[in-house]
């Protein structure tokens, strides 16, 4: 969803369109990009939190090693290719501090611009990983009350930040990713709570009525939806804005998928395995193509329907992502498991972080 939204928006200015097409772009109106990110965070909480559960012996070390080798090798390749195919390709200035800061995955903490704007989600992921490890370290991983408290506290913290921003108490120079960090962490811990209830009820098939946690899950879901539905409340006051909220649709779709749909197929499983590479590398494919199409000498390639740009770009992205997965990601994942020792095979996950 994120790749589709970015590619659509990137090629829209050179595609065949009506004068107001940019403003009425349906991927923008329906927020495909942020909806995909919200799903990404919910799934991450659902999957990652469980990798720390079980026997404590060696679990923390396994978690750190498997997560490191799951995230960083492919990310470092994306940094290098981004420098070549985005920054060098467009003759943007490249500095040593910027490159060094980007290799940490949190360049904004060092006052440097990210090679690609989409890296902001990875900083959120790292914060979630550290939070999960810390909860495990203090021995509260199985305490569902801790997760419930975090979901509520983080949601309220985000409301407080939003209110402070409205009255000018928070500087606009602070990146939106960090202003929204409590909200996104709240969604991730909601996904983690969802996983605990899912496991205890065998996928919501057993002892649902007798499990008190499911009622707490329903309450936490209402909290997430209420926070996400702020835009809907504003829409009735200012109907010129969009009524759509990715922070409502994303959690609702997640619930439907996990509880009722449960659709699985080999093709979807494969896309899930390469989804991290798709996320990291779609800009590397998209931006050179967009720059090439926009060049004066390539006017014949402009004015086509957006789908004519979208489909080839996605095909090339999927091809590149498959290559990266089998050449970089999968060997790195297996290396991380070997270094982590016994138990890593069972606890590590191939799901996209």
C-alpha atoms as a PDB file:
ATOM      1  CA  UNK A   1       0.000   0.000   0.000  1.00  0.00           C
ATOM      2  CA  UNK A   2       2.814   2.401   0.893  1.00  0.00           C
ATOM      3  CA  UNK A   3       4.721   1.703  -2.328  1.00  0.00           C
ATOM      4  CA  UNK A   4       1.560   2.071  -4.442  1.00  0.00           C
ATOM      5  CA  UNK A   5       0.729   5.402  -2.826  1.00  0.00           C
ATOM      6  CA  UNK A   6       4.256   6.791  -3.257  1.00  0.00           C
ATOM      7  CA  UNK A   7       4.542   5.680  -6.887  1.00  0.00           C
ATOM      8  CA  UNK A   8       1.096   7.033  -7.746  1.00  0.00           C
ATOM      9  CA  UNK A   9       1.830  10.414  -6.203  1.00  0.00           C
ATOM     10  CA  UNK A  10       5.294  10.631  -7.773  1.00  0.00           C
ATOM     11  CA  UNK A  11       4.108  10.048 -11.332  1.00  0.00           C
ATOM     12  CA  UNK A  12       0.828  11.938 -11.085  1.00  0.00           C
ATOM     13  CA  UNK A  13       2.339  15.306 -12.172  1.00  0.00           C
ATOM     14  CA  UNK A  14       3.602  13.811 -15.467  1.00  0.00           C
ATOM     15  CA  UNK A  15       0.574  11.591 -16.121  1.00  0.00           C
ATOM     16  CA  UNK A  16      -2.520  12.360 -18.163  1.00  0.00           C
ATOM     17  CA  UNK A  17      -4.830  14.184 -15.793  1.00  0.00           C
ATOM     18  CA  UNK A  18      -7.459  16.839 -15.346  1.00  0.00           C
ATOM     19  CA  UNK A  19      -6.358  20.241 -13.949  1.00  0.00           C
ATOM     20  CA  UNK A  20      -7.433  19.355 -10.402  1.00  0.00           C
ATOM     21  CA  UNK A  21      -6.267  15.740 -10.478  1.00  0.00           C
ATOM     22  CA  UNK A  22      -3.411  16.283  -8.055  1.00  0.00           C
ATOM     23  CA  UNK A  23      -5.700  17.659  -5.380  1.00  0.00           C
ATOM     24  CA  UNK A  24      -8.262  14.909  -5.889  1.00  0.00           C
ATOM     25  CA  UNK A  25      -5.859  11.984  -6.136  1.00  0.00           C
ATOM     26  CA  UNK A  26      -7.748   9.085  -4.582  1.00  0.00           C
ATOM     27  CA  UNK A  27      -4.649   7.440  -3.012  1.00  0.00           C
ATOM     28  CA  UNK A  28      -4.033  10.753  -1.251  1.00  0.00           C
ATOM     29  CA  UNK A  29      -7.672  11.197  -0.242  1.00  0.00           C
ATOM     30  CA  UNK A  30      -7.877   7.668   1.126  1.00  0.00           C
ATOM     31  CA  UNK A  31      -4.374   7.905   2.602  1.00  0.00           C
ATOM     32  CA  UNK A  32      -3.077   4.617   1.228  1.00  0.00           C
ATOM     33  CA  UNK A  33       0.411   5.402   2.461  1.00  0.00           C
ATOM     34  CA  UNK A  34      -0.370   6.125   6.112  1.00  0.00           C
ATOM     35  CA  UNK A  35      -2.992   3.341   6.208  1.00  0.00           C
ATOM     36  CA  UNK A  36      -0.239   0.931   5.177  1.00  0.00           C
ATOM     37  CA  UNK A  37       2.033   2.346   7.881  1.00  0.00           C
ATOM     38  CA  UNK A  38      -0.648   1.933  10.568  1.00  0.00           C
ATOM     39  CA  UNK A  39      -1.139  -1.692   9.513  1.00  0.00           C
ATOM     40  CA  UNK A  40       2.639  -2.089   9.522  1.00  0.00           C
ATOM     41  CA  UNK A  41       2.809  -0.896  13.147  1.00  0.00           C
ATOM     42  CA  UNK A  42      -0.106  -3.066  14.316  1.00  0.00           C
ATOM     43  CA  UNK A  43       1.352  -6.171  12.644  1.00  0.00           C
ATOM     44  CA  UNK A  44       4.775  -5.402  14.073  1.00  0.00           C
ATOM     45  CA  UNK A  45       3.365  -5.252  17.603  1.00  0.00           C
ATOM     46  CA  UNK A  46       1.416  -8.462  16.993  1.00  0.00           C
ATOM     47  CA  UNK A  47       4.476 -10.347  15.717  1.00  0.00           C
ATOM     48  CA  UNK A  48       7.549  -8.905  17.436  1.00  0.00           C
ATOM     49  CA  UNK A  49       6.361  -8.832  21.047  1.00  0.00           C
ATOM     50  CA  UNK A  50       5.865 -12.578  21.015  1.00  0.00           C
ATOM     51  CA  UNK A  51       9.501 -13.270  20.071  1.00  0.00           C
ATOM     52  CA  UNK A  52      10.520 -12.371  23.648  1.00  0.00           C
ATOM     53  CA  UNK A  53       7.998 -14.670  25.297  1.00  0.00           C
ATOM     54  CA  UNK A  54       8.943 -18.072  26.712  1.00  0.00           C
ATOM     55  CA  UNK A  55      12.064 -19.162  28.571  1.00  0.00           C
ATOM     56  CA  UNK A  56      14.201 -16.244  29.774  1.00  0.00           C
ATOM     57  CA  UNK A  57      17.525 -18.011  29.254  1.00  0.00           C
ATOM     58  CA  UNK A  58      19.265 -16.334  26.313  1.00  0.00           C
ATOM     59  CA  UNK A  59      16.042 -14.701  25.109  1.00  0.00           C
ATOM     60  CA  UNK A  60      17.284 -11.110  25.308  1.00  0.00           C
ATOM     61  CA  UNK A  61      20.456 -11.933  23.402  1.00  0.00           C
ATOM     62  CA  UNK A  62      18.498 -13.830  20.743  1.00  0.00           C
ATOM     63  CA  UNK A  63      16.076 -10.944  20.370  1.00  0.00           C
ATOM     64  CA  UNK A  64      18.830  -8.359  19.881  1.00  0.00           C
ATOM     65  CA  UNK A  65      20.813 -10.479  17.424  1.00  0.00           C
ATOM     66  CA  UNK A  66      17.889 -11.656  15.300  1.00  0.00           C
ATOM     67  CA  UNK A  67      16.359  -8.184  15.133  1.00  0.00           C
ATOM     68  CA  UNK A  68      19.712  -6.591  14.254  1.00  0.00           C
ATOM     69  CA  UNK A  69      20.388  -8.991  11.398  1.00  0.00           C
ATOM     70  CA  UNK A  70      16.770  -8.757  10.248  1.00  0.00           C
ATOM     71  CA  UNK A  71      16.851  -4.970   9.962  1.00  0.00           C
ATOM     72  CA  UNK A  72      20.298  -3.559   9.375  1.00  0.00           C
ATOM     73  CA  UNK A  73      21.986  -5.436   6.473  1.00  0.00           C
ATOM     74  CA  UNK A  74      19.171  -4.744   3.985  1.00  0.00           C
ATOM     75  CA  UNK A  75      18.819  -1.233   5.386  1.00  0.00           C
ATOM     76  CA  UNK A  76      22.519  -0.492   4.832  1.00  0.00           C
ATOM     77  CA  UNK A  77      22.187  -1.647   1.217  1.00  0.00           C
ATOM     78  CA  UNK A  78      19.222   0.703   0.799  1.00  0.00           C
ATOM     79  CA  UNK A  79      21.305   3.585   2.190  1.00  0.00           C
ATOM     80  CA  UNK A  80      24.062   2.931  -0.369  1.00  0.00           C
ATOM     81  CA  UNK A  81      21.661   2.537  -3.289  1.00  0.00           C
ATOM     82  CA  UNK A  82      19.691   5.575  -2.124  1.00  0.00           C
ATOM     83  CA  UNK A  83      22.874   7.669  -2.145  1.00  0.00           C
ATOM     84  CA  UNK A  84      23.573   6.554  -5.722  1.00  0.00           C
ATOM     85  CA  UNK A  85      20.142   6.449  -7.323  1.00  0.00           C
ATOM     86  CA  UNK A  86      18.470   9.304  -5.441  1.00  0.00           C
ATOM     87  CA  UNK A  87      21.081  11.753  -4.187  1.00  0.00           C
ATOM     88  CA  UNK A  88      23.854  11.375  -6.767  1.00  0.00           C
ATOM     89  CA  UNK A  89      21.324  10.839  -9.565  1.00  0.00           C
ATOM     90  CA  UNK A  90      19.744  14.220  -8.815  1.00  0.00           C
ATOM     91  CA  UNK A  91      23.073  15.955  -8.049  1.00  0.00           C
ATOM     92  CA  UNK A  92      22.144  16.574  -4.421  1.00  0.00           C
ATOM     93  CA  UNK A  93      25.037  17.340  -2.029  1.00  0.00           C
ATOM     94  CA  UNK A  94      26.319  14.332  -0.080  1.00  0.00           C
ATOM     95  CA  UNK A  95      28.316  14.827   3.124  1.00  0.00           C
ATOM     96  CA  UNK A  96      30.207  12.381   5.313  1.00  0.00           C
ATOM     97  CA  UNK A  97      28.220  13.277   8.487  1.00  0.00           C
ATOM     98  CA  UNK A  98      24.948  12.672   6.632  1.00  0.00           C
ATOM     99  CA  UNK A  99      26.114   9.272   5.393  1.00  0.00           C
ATOM    100  CA  UNK A 100      27.428   8.232   8.817  1.00  0.00           C
ATOM    101  CA  UNK A 101      24.233   9.347  10.581  1.00  0.00           C
ATOM    102  CA  UNK A 102      22.049   7.434   8.130  1.00  0.00           C
ATOM    103  CA  UNK A 103      23.892   4.193   8.843  1.00  0.00           C
ATOM    104  CA  UNK A 104      22.548   4.382  12.415  1.00  0.00           C
ATOM    105  CA  UNK A 105      18.926   4.281  11.174  1.00  0.00           C
ATOM    106  CA  UNK A 106      18.097   7.427  13.178  1.00  0.00           C
ATOM    107  CA  UNK A 107      19.817  10.265  11.261  1.00  0.00           C
ATOM    108  CA  UNK A 108      17.511  12.968  12.595  1.00  0.00           C
ATOM    109  CA  UNK A 109      18.887  12.387  16.111  1.00  0.00           C
ATOM    110  CA  UNK A 110      22.211  13.631  14.735  1.00  0.00           C
ATOM    111  CA  UNK A 111      20.673  16.588  12.915  1.00  0.00           C
ATOM    112  CA  UNK A 112      21.124  15.019   9.481  1.00  0.00           C
ATOM    113  CA  UNK A 113      18.526  14.486   6.727  1.00  0.00           C
ATOM    114  CA  UNK A 114      17.482  10.908   5.941  1.00  0.00           C
ATOM    115  CA  UNK A 115      18.565   9.461   2.608  1.00  0.00           C
ATOM    116  CA  UNK A 116      14.909   8.568   2.098  1.00  0.00           C
ATOM    117  CA  UNK A 117      11.997  10.119   3.967  1.00  0.00           C
ATOM    118  CA  UNK A 118      10.436   6.721   4.642  1.00  0.00           C
ATOM    119  CA  UNK A 119      13.202   5.904   7.135  1.00  0.00           C
ATOM    120  CA  UNK A 120      11.204   7.619   9.884  1.00  0.00           C
ATOM    121  CA  UNK A 121       9.210   4.436  10.528  1.00  0.00           C
ATOM    122  CA  UNK A 122      12.411   2.537  11.291  1.00  0.00           C
ATOM    123  CA  UNK A 123      13.212   4.897  14.160  1.00  0.00           C
ATOM    124  CA  UNK A 124       9.780   4.109  15.567  1.00  0.00           C
ATOM    125  CA  UNK A 125      10.492   0.395  15.162  1.00  0.00           C
ATOM    126  CA  UNK A 126      13.777   0.669  17.038  1.00  0.00           C
ATOM    127  CA  UNK A 127      12.039   2.512  19.873  1.00  0.00           C
ATOM    128  CA  UNK A 128       9.431  -0.248  20.072  1.00  0.00           C
ATOM    129  CA  UNK A 129      12.110  -2.955  20.083  1.00  0.00           C
ATOM    130  CA  UNK A 130      13.966  -1.258  22.906  1.00  0.00           C
ATOM    131  CA  UNK A 131      10.712  -0.829  24.849  1.00  0.00           C
ATOM    132  CA  UNK A 132       9.884  -4.533  24.424  1.00  0.00           C
ATOM    133  CA  UNK A 133      13.373  -5.541  25.547  1.00  0.00           C
ATOM    134  CA  UNK A 134      13.092  -3.253  28.580  1.00  0.00           C
ATOM    135  CA  UNK A 135       9.708  -4.735  29.567  1.00  0.00           C
ATOM    136  CA  UNK A 136      11.206  -8.220  29.205  1.00  0.00           C
ATOM    137  CA  UNK A 137      14.278  -7.184  31.226  1.00  0.00           C
ATOM    138  CA  UNK A 138      12.192  -6.089  34.215  1.00  0.00           C
ATOM    139  CA  UNK A 139      10.151  -9.299  34.039  1.00  0.00           C
ATOM    140  CA  UNK A 140       6.778  -7.789  33.080  1.00  0.00           C
ATOM    141  CA  UNK A 141       6.460  -9.206  29.574  1.00  0.00           C
ATOM    142  CA  UNK A 142       3.508 -11.473  30.413  1.00  0.00           C
ATOM    143  CA  UNK A 143       1.699  -8.787  32.401  1.00  0.00           C
ATOM    144  CA  UNK A 144      -1.130  -7.731  30.108  1.00  0.00           C
ATOM    145  CA  UNK A 145      -1.919  -4.843  32.458  1.00  0.00           C
ATOM    146  CA  UNK A 146       1.415  -3.258  31.544  1.00  0.00           C
ATOM    147  CA  UNK A 147       0.519  -3.366  27.865  1.00  0.00           C
ATOM    148  CA  UNK A 148      -2.968  -2.004  28.497  1.00  0.00           C
ATOM    149  CA  UNK A 149      -1.538   0.806  30.592  1.00  0.00           C
ATOM    150  CA  UNK A 150       0.980   1.651  27.882  1.00  0.00           C
ATOM    151  CA  UNK A 151      -1.709   1.799  25.179  1.00  0.00           C
ATOM    152  CA  UNK A 152      -3.811   4.216  27.237  1.00  0.00           C
ATOM    153  CA  UNK A 153      -0.874   6.303  28.518  1.00  0.00           C
ATOM    154  CA  UNK A 154       0.712   6.662  25.077  1.00  0.00           C
ATOM    155  CA  UNK A 155      -2.617   7.597  23.480  1.00  0.00           C
ATOM    156  CA  UNK A 156      -3.198  10.260  26.128  1.00  0.00           C
ATOM    157  CA  UNK A 157       0.388  11.474  25.730  1.00  0.00           C
ATOM    158  CA  UNK A 158      -0.198  11.953  22.015  1.00  0.00           C
ATOM    159  CA  UNK A 159      -3.359  13.950  22.751  1.00  0.00           C
ATOM    160  CA  UNK A 160      -1.334  16.093  25.144  1.00  0.00           C
ATOM    161  CA  UNK A 161       1.349  16.695  22.506  1.00  0.00           C
ATOM    162  CA  UNK A 162      -1.301  17.579  19.952  1.00  0.00           C
ATOM    163  CA  UNK A 163      -2.911  20.034  22.358  1.00  0.00           C
ATOM    164  CA  UNK A 164       0.469  21.565  23.201  1.00  0.00           C
ATOM    165  CA  UNK A 165       1.170  21.992  19.512  1.00  0.00           C
ATOM    166  CA  UNK A 166      -2.141  23.771  19.004  1.00  0.00           C
ATOM    167  CA  UNK A 167      -1.280  26.366  21.661  1.00  0.00           C
ATOM    168  CA  UNK A 168       2.276  26.783  20.390  1.00  0.00           C
ATOM    169  CA  UNK A 169       3.991  25.072  23.324  1.00  0.00           C
ATOM    170  CA  UNK A 170       5.823  22.638  21.006  1.00  0.00           C
ATOM    171  CA  UNK A 171       8.213  23.850  18.327  1.00  0.00           C
ATOM    172  CA  UNK A 172       7.139  23.111  14.764  1.00  0.00           C
ATOM    173  CA  UNK A 173      10.762  22.261  13.956  1.00  0.00           C
ATOM    174  CA  UNK A 174      10.383  18.946  15.799  1.00  0.00           C
ATOM    175  CA  UNK A 175       9.891  16.192  13.232  1.00  0.00           C
ATOM    176  CA  UNK A 176       6.342  14.877  12.870  1.00  0.00           C
ATOM    177  CA  UNK A 177       7.645  11.328  13.360  1.00  0.00           C
ATOM    178  CA  UNK A 178       8.708  12.158  16.920  1.00  0.00           C
ATOM    179  CA  UNK A 179       5.570  14.165  17.685  1.00  0.00           C
ATOM    180  CA  UNK A 180       3.498  11.152  16.612  1.00  0.00           C
ATOM    181  CA  UNK A 181       5.750   8.601  18.315  1.00  0.00           C
ATOM    182  CA  UNK A 182       3.401   8.046  21.320  1.00  0.00           C
ATOM    183  CA  UNK A 183       0.450   7.422  19.020  1.00  0.00           C
ATOM    184  CA  UNK A 184       2.372   4.919  16.889  1.00  0.00           C
ATOM    185  CA  UNK A 185       3.854   3.128  19.892  1.00  0.00           C
ATOM    186  CA  UNK A 186       0.342   2.909  21.325  1.00  0.00           C
ATOM    187  CA  UNK A 187      -0.805   1.136  18.159  1.00  0.00           C
ATOM    188  CA  UNK A 188       2.140  -1.255  18.369  1.00  0.00           C
ATOM    189  CA  UNK A 189       1.483  -2.151  22.000  1.00  0.00           C
ATOM    190  CA  UNK A 190      -2.194  -2.584  21.133  1.00  0.00           C
ATOM    191  CA  UNK A 191      -1.046  -5.095  18.511  1.00  0.00           C
ATOM    192  CA  UNK A 192       1.050  -6.820  21.195  1.00  0.00           C
ATOM    193  CA  UNK A 193      -1.959  -7.040  23.546  1.00  0.00           C
ATOM    194  CA  UNK A 194      -3.975  -8.376  20.616  1.00  0.00           C
ATOM    195  CA  UNK A 195      -1.380 -11.151  20.230  1.00  0.00           C
ATOM    196  CA  UNK A 196      -1.610 -12.179  23.895  1.00  0.00           C
ATOM    197  CA  UNK A 197      -5.396 -12.530  23.646  1.00  0.00           C
ATOM    198  CA  UNK A 198      -5.074 -14.261  20.262  1.00  0.00           C
ATOM    199  CA  UNK A 199      -2.725 -16.879  21.708  1.00  0.00           C
ATOM    200  CA  UNK A 200      -4.760 -17.459  24.883  1.00  0.00           C
ATOM    201  CA  UNK A 201      -7.960 -18.007  22.887  1.00  0.00           C
ATOM    202  CA  UNK A 202      -6.297 -20.115  20.148  1.00  0.00           C
ATOM    203  CA  UNK A 203      -7.020 -17.516  17.511  1.00  0.00           C
ATOM    204  CA  UNK A 204     -10.332 -16.408  19.099  1.00  0.00           C
ATOM    205  CA  UNK A 205     -11.676 -19.944  18.732  1.00  0.00           C
ATOM    206  CA  UNK A 206     -11.664 -21.051  22.373  1.00  0.00           C
ATOM    207  CA  UNK A 207     -12.749 -19.681  25.770  1.00  0.00           C
ATOM    208  CA  UNK A 208     -13.559 -16.284  24.298  1.00  0.00           C
ATOM    209  CA  UNK A 209     -16.458 -15.562  26.642  1.00  0.00           C
ATOM    210  CA  UNK A 210     -14.551 -16.610  29.771  1.00  0.00           C
ATOM    211  CA  UNK A 211     -11.401 -14.632  28.958  1.00  0.00           C
ATOM    212  CA  UNK A 212     -11.506 -11.224  30.649  1.00  0.00           C
ATOM    213  CA  UNK A 213      -8.631  -9.964  28.535  1.00  0.00           C
ATOM    214  CA  UNK A 214     -10.829  -9.973  25.456  1.00  0.00           C
ATOM    215  CA  UNK A 215     -13.057  -7.334  27.032  1.00  0.00           C
ATOM    216  CA  UNK A 216     -10.003  -5.243  27.852  1.00  0.00           C
ATOM    217  CA  UNK A 217      -8.900  -5.706  24.240  1.00  0.00           C
ATOM    218  CA  UNK A 218     -12.281  -4.428  23.065  1.00  0.00           C
ATOM    219  CA  UNK A 219     -11.884  -1.391  25.322  1.00  0.00           C
ATOM    220  CA  UNK A 220      -8.340  -0.712  24.100  1.00  0.00           C
ATOM    221  CA  UNK A 221      -9.547  -1.019  20.509  1.00  0.00           C
ATOM    222  CA  UNK A 222     -12.179   1.622  21.201  1.00  0.00           C
ATOM    223  CA  UNK A 223      -9.444   3.875  22.626  1.00  0.00           C
ATOM    224  CA  UNK A 224      -7.339   3.433  19.471  1.00  0.00           C
ATOM    225  CA  UNK A 225     -10.346   4.106  17.240  1.00  0.00           C
ATOM    226  CA  UNK A 226     -11.445   7.139  19.270  1.00  0.00           C
ATOM    227  CA  UNK A 227      -7.976   8.674  19.029  1.00  0.00           C
ATOM    228  CA  UNK A 228      -7.867   7.863  15.330  1.00  0.00           C
ATOM    229  CA  UNK A 229     -11.366   9.250  14.780  1.00  0.00           C
ATOM    230  CA  UNK A 230     -10.496  12.815  15.753  1.00  0.00           C
ATOM    231  CA  UNK A 231     -10.522  13.741  12.078  1.00  0.00           C
ATOM    232  CA  UNK A 232     -14.085  12.465  11.737  1.00  0.00           C
ATOM    233  CA  UNK A 233     -15.170  14.770  14.567  1.00  0.00           C
ATOM    234  CA  UNK A 234     -13.415  17.683  12.845  1.00  0.00           C
ATOM    235  CA  UNK A 235     -15.068  16.799   9.547  1.00  0.00           C
ATOM    236  CA  UNK A 236     -18.508  17.655  10.920  1.00  0.00           C
ATOM    237  CA  UNK A 237     -17.167  21.079  11.932  1.00  0.00           C
ATOM    238  CA  UNK A 238     -15.047  21.691   8.811  1.00  0.00           C
ATOM    239  CA  UNK A 239     -16.602  19.501   6.071  1.00  0.00           C
ATOM    240  CA  UNK A 240     -14.191  20.771   3.419  1.00  0.00           C
ATOM    241  CA  UNK A 241     -11.505  18.459   4.789  1.00  0.00           C
ATOM    242  CA  UNK A 242     -11.226  14.722   4.263  1.00  0.00           C
ATOM    243  CA  UNK A 243     -13.495  12.474   6.327  1.00  0.00           C
ATOM    244  CA  UNK A 244     -11.147   9.506   5.922  1.00  0.00           C
ATOM    245  CA  UNK A 245      -8.839   8.441   8.781  1.00  0.00           C
ATOM    246  CA  UNK A 246      -6.099   5.870   8.274  1.00  0.00           C
ATOM    247  CA  UNK A 247      -5.908   5.559  12.061  1.00  0.00           C
ATOM    248  CA  UNK A 248      -9.446   4.156  12.070  1.00  0.00           C
ATOM    249  CA  UNK A 249      -9.409   2.116   8.873  1.00  0.00           C
ATOM    250  CA  UNK A 250      -6.001   0.542   9.579  1.00  0.00           C
ATOM    251  CA  UNK A 251      -6.917  -0.922  13.005  1.00  0.00           C
ATOM    252  CA  UNK A 252     -10.362  -2.003  11.784  1.00  0.00           C
ATOM    253  CA  UNK A 253      -8.840  -3.814   8.793  1.00  0.00           C
ATOM    254  CA  UNK A 254      -6.257  -5.416  11.087  1.00  0.00           C
ATOM    255  CA  UNK A 255      -9.026  -6.710  13.386  1.00  0.00           C
ATOM    256  CA  UNK A 256     -11.061  -8.059  10.485  1.00  0.00           C
ATOM    257  CA  UNK A 257      -8.039  -9.781   8.974  1.00  0.00           C
ATOM    258  CA  UNK A 258      -6.865 -11.447  12.194  1.00  0.00           C
ATOM    259  CA  UNK A 259     -10.238 -12.358  13.702  1.00  0.00           C
ATOM    260  CA  UNK A 260     -12.450 -13.207  10.719  1.00  0.00           C
ATOM    261  CA  UNK A 261     -10.770 -13.247   7.321  1.00  0.00           C
ATOM    262  CA  UNK A 262      -7.641 -15.260   8.091  1.00  0.00           C
ATOM    263  CA  UNK A 263      -6.764 -15.385   4.404  1.00  0.00           C
ATOM    264  CA  UNK A 264      -3.455 -17.054   3.641  1.00  0.00           C
ATOM    265  CA  UNK A 265      -1.741 -18.188   0.470  1.00  0.00           C
ATOM    266  CA  UNK A 266       1.809 -18.969  -0.685  1.00  0.00           C
ATOM    267  CA  UNK A 267       1.845 -15.814  -2.809  1.00  0.00           C
ATOM    268  CA  UNK A 268       0.829 -13.584   0.095  1.00  0.00           C
ATOM    269  CA  UNK A 269       3.358 -15.308   2.353  1.00  0.00           C
ATOM    270  CA  UNK A 270       6.093 -14.597  -0.193  1.00  0.00           C
ATOM    271  CA  UNK A 271       5.102 -10.945  -0.469  1.00  0.00           C
ATOM    272  CA  UNK A 272       5.190 -10.786   3.321  1.00  0.00           C
ATOM    273  CA  UNK A 273       8.759 -12.081   3.317  1.00  0.00           C
ATOM    274  CA  UNK A 274       9.967  -9.485   0.806  1.00  0.00           C
ATOM    275  CA  UNK A 275       7.793  -6.632   2.130  1.00  0.00           C
ATOM    276  CA  UNK A 276      10.655  -5.061   4.081  1.00  0.00           C
ATOM    277  CA  UNK A 277      12.732  -4.838   0.898  1.00  0.00           C
ATOM    278  CA  UNK A 278       9.754  -3.475  -1.038  1.00  0.00           C
ATOM    279  CA  UNK A 279       9.436  -0.758   1.576  1.00  0.00           C
ATOM    280  CA  UNK A 280      13.142   0.068   1.544  1.00  0.00           C
ATOM    281  CA  UNK A 281      13.767  -0.031  -2.202  1.00  0.00           C
ATOM    282  CA  UNK A 282      10.670   1.286  -3.953  1.00  0.00           C
ATOM    283  CA  UNK A 283      12.066   4.828  -3.808  1.00  0.00           C
ATOM    284  CA  UNK A 284      15.355   3.598  -5.274  1.00  0.00           C
ATOM    285  CA  UNK A 285      13.439   2.289  -8.294  1.00  0.00           C
ATOM    286  CA  UNK A 286      10.786   4.997  -8.473  1.00  0.00           C
ATOM    287  CA  UNK A 287      12.826   8.201  -8.287  1.00  0.00           C
ATOM    288  CA  UNK A 288      15.304   7.499 -11.146  1.00  0.00           C
ATOM    289  CA  UNK A 289      12.379   6.478 -13.357  1.00  0.00           C
ATOM    290  CA  UNK A 290      10.415   9.608 -12.437  1.00  0.00           C
ATOM    291  CA  UNK A 291      13.448  11.849 -13.077  1.00  0.00           C
ATOM    292  CA  UNK A 292      14.032  10.150 -16.433  1.00  0.00           C
ATOM    293  CA  UNK A 293      10.387  10.568 -17.519  1.00  0.00           C
ATOM    294  CA  UNK A 294      10.384  14.232 -16.441  1.00  0.00           C
ATOM    295  CA  UNK A 295      13.454  15.074 -18.542  1.00  0.00           C
ATOM    296  CA  UNK A 296      12.913  17.447 -21.487  1.00  0.00           C
ATOM    297  CA  UNK A 297      14.152  14.883 -23.988  1.00  0.00           C
ATOM    298  CA  UNK A 298      11.614  12.282 -22.868  1.00  0.00           C
ATOM    299  CA  UNK A 299       8.418  14.250 -23.423  1.00  0.00           C
ATOM    300  CA  UNK A 300       6.968  11.340 -25.405  1.00  0.00           C
ATOM    301  CA  UNK A 301       6.777   9.331 -22.193  1.00  0.00           C
ATOM    302  CA  UNK A 302       4.670  11.912 -20.379  1.00  0.00           C
ATOM    303  CA  UNK A 303       0.907  12.280 -20.446  1.00  0.00           C
ATOM    304  CA  UNK A 304       0.131   8.575 -20.090  1.00  0.00           C
ATOM    305  CA  UNK A 305      -2.407   7.150 -17.602  1.00  0.00           C
ATOM    306  CA  UNK A 306      -0.902   6.742 -14.137  1.00  0.00           C
ATOM    307  CA  UNK A 307      -1.287   2.965 -14.327  1.00  0.00           C
ATOM    308  CA  UNK A 308       1.236   2.891 -17.175  1.00  0.00           C
ATOM    309  CA  UNK A 309       3.853   4.220 -14.747  1.00  0.00           C
ATOM    310  CA  UNK A 310       2.588   2.435 -11.649  1.00  0.00           C
ATOM    311  CA  UNK A 311       2.616  -1.145 -12.932  1.00  0.00           C
ATOM    312  CA  UNK A 312       6.150  -1.237 -14.444  1.00  0.00           C
ATOM    313  CA  UNK A 313       7.584   0.561 -11.416  1.00  0.00           C
ATOM    314  CA  UNK A 314       5.991  -1.922  -9.022  1.00  0.00           C
ATOM    315  CA  UNK A 315       7.150  -4.881 -11.142  1.00  0.00           C
ATOM    316  CA  UNK A 316      10.728  -3.571 -11.109  1.00  0.00           C
ATOM    317  CA  UNK A 317      10.457  -2.887  -7.364  1.00  0.00           C
ATOM    318  CA  UNK A 318       9.218  -6.414  -6.635  1.00  0.00           C
ATOM    319  CA  UNK A 319      12.000  -7.874  -8.802  1.00  0.00           C
ATOM    320  CA  UNK A 320      14.680  -5.811  -7.061  1.00  0.00           C
ATOM    321  CA  UNK A 321      13.186  -6.615  -3.652  1.00  0.00           C
ATOM    322  CA  UNK A 322      13.202 -10.344  -4.372  1.00  0.00           C
ATOM    323  CA  UNK A 323      16.879 -10.138  -5.332  1.00  0.00           C
ATOM    324  CA  UNK A 324      17.707  -8.210  -2.149  1.00  0.00           C
ATOM    325  CA  UNK A 325      15.746 -10.655  -0.020  1.00  0.00           C
ATOM    326  CA  UNK A 326      17.511 -13.764  -1.319  1.00  0.00           C
ATOM    327  CA  UNK A 327      20.953 -12.163  -1.654  1.00  0.00           C
ATOM    328  CA  UNK A 328      21.031 -10.017   1.517  1.00  0.00           C
ATOM    329  CA  UNK A 329      18.066 -10.420   3.856  1.00  0.00           C
ATOM    330  CA  UNK A 330      17.724 -14.197   4.033  1.00  0.00           C
ATOM    331  CA  UNK A 331      21.456 -14.897   4.514  1.00  0.00           C
ATOM    332  CA  UNK A 332      21.596 -12.168   7.178  1.00  0.00           C
ATOM    333  CA  UNK A 333      18.537 -13.603   8.964  1.00  0.00           C
ATOM    334  CA  UNK A 334      20.094 -17.067   8.978  1.00  0.00           C
ATOM    335  CA  UNK A 335      23.401 -15.666  10.213  1.00  0.00           C
ATOM    336  CA  UNK A 336      21.599 -13.906  13.050  1.00  0.00           C
ATOM    337  CA  UNK A 337      19.903 -17.158  14.030  1.00  0.00           C
ATOM    338  CA  UNK A 338      23.188 -19.070  14.017  1.00  0.00           C
ATOM    339  CA  UNK A 339      24.870 -16.428  16.170  1.00  0.00           C
ATOM    340  CA  UNK A 340      21.873 -16.352  18.530  1.00  0.00           C
ATOM    341  CA  UNK A 341      22.209 -20.078  19.177  1.00  0.00           C
ATOM    342  CA  UNK A 342      19.571 -22.628  20.165  1.00  0.00           C
ATOM    343  CA  UNK A 343      16.002 -21.416  20.234  1.00  0.00           C
ATOM    344  CA  UNK A 344      16.455 -18.698  17.635  1.00  0.00           C
ATOM    345  CA  UNK A 345      14.886 -20.796  14.895  1.00  0.00           C
ATOM    346  CA  UNK A 346      11.665 -21.028  16.858  1.00  0.00           C
ATOM    347  CA  UNK A 347      11.565 -17.477  18.164  1.00  0.00           C
ATOM    348  CA  UNK A 348      12.869 -15.430  15.221  1.00  0.00           C
ATOM    349  CA  UNK A 349      10.326 -14.330  12.663  1.00  0.00           C
ATOM    350  CA  UNK A 350      10.415 -13.734   8.947  1.00  0.00           C
ATOM    351  CA  UNK A 351       7.623 -11.188   9.150  1.00  0.00           C
ATOM    352  CA  UNK A 352       8.444  -7.640   8.031  1.00  0.00           C
ATOM    353  CA  UNK A 353       9.452  -5.438  10.962  1.00  0.00           C
END
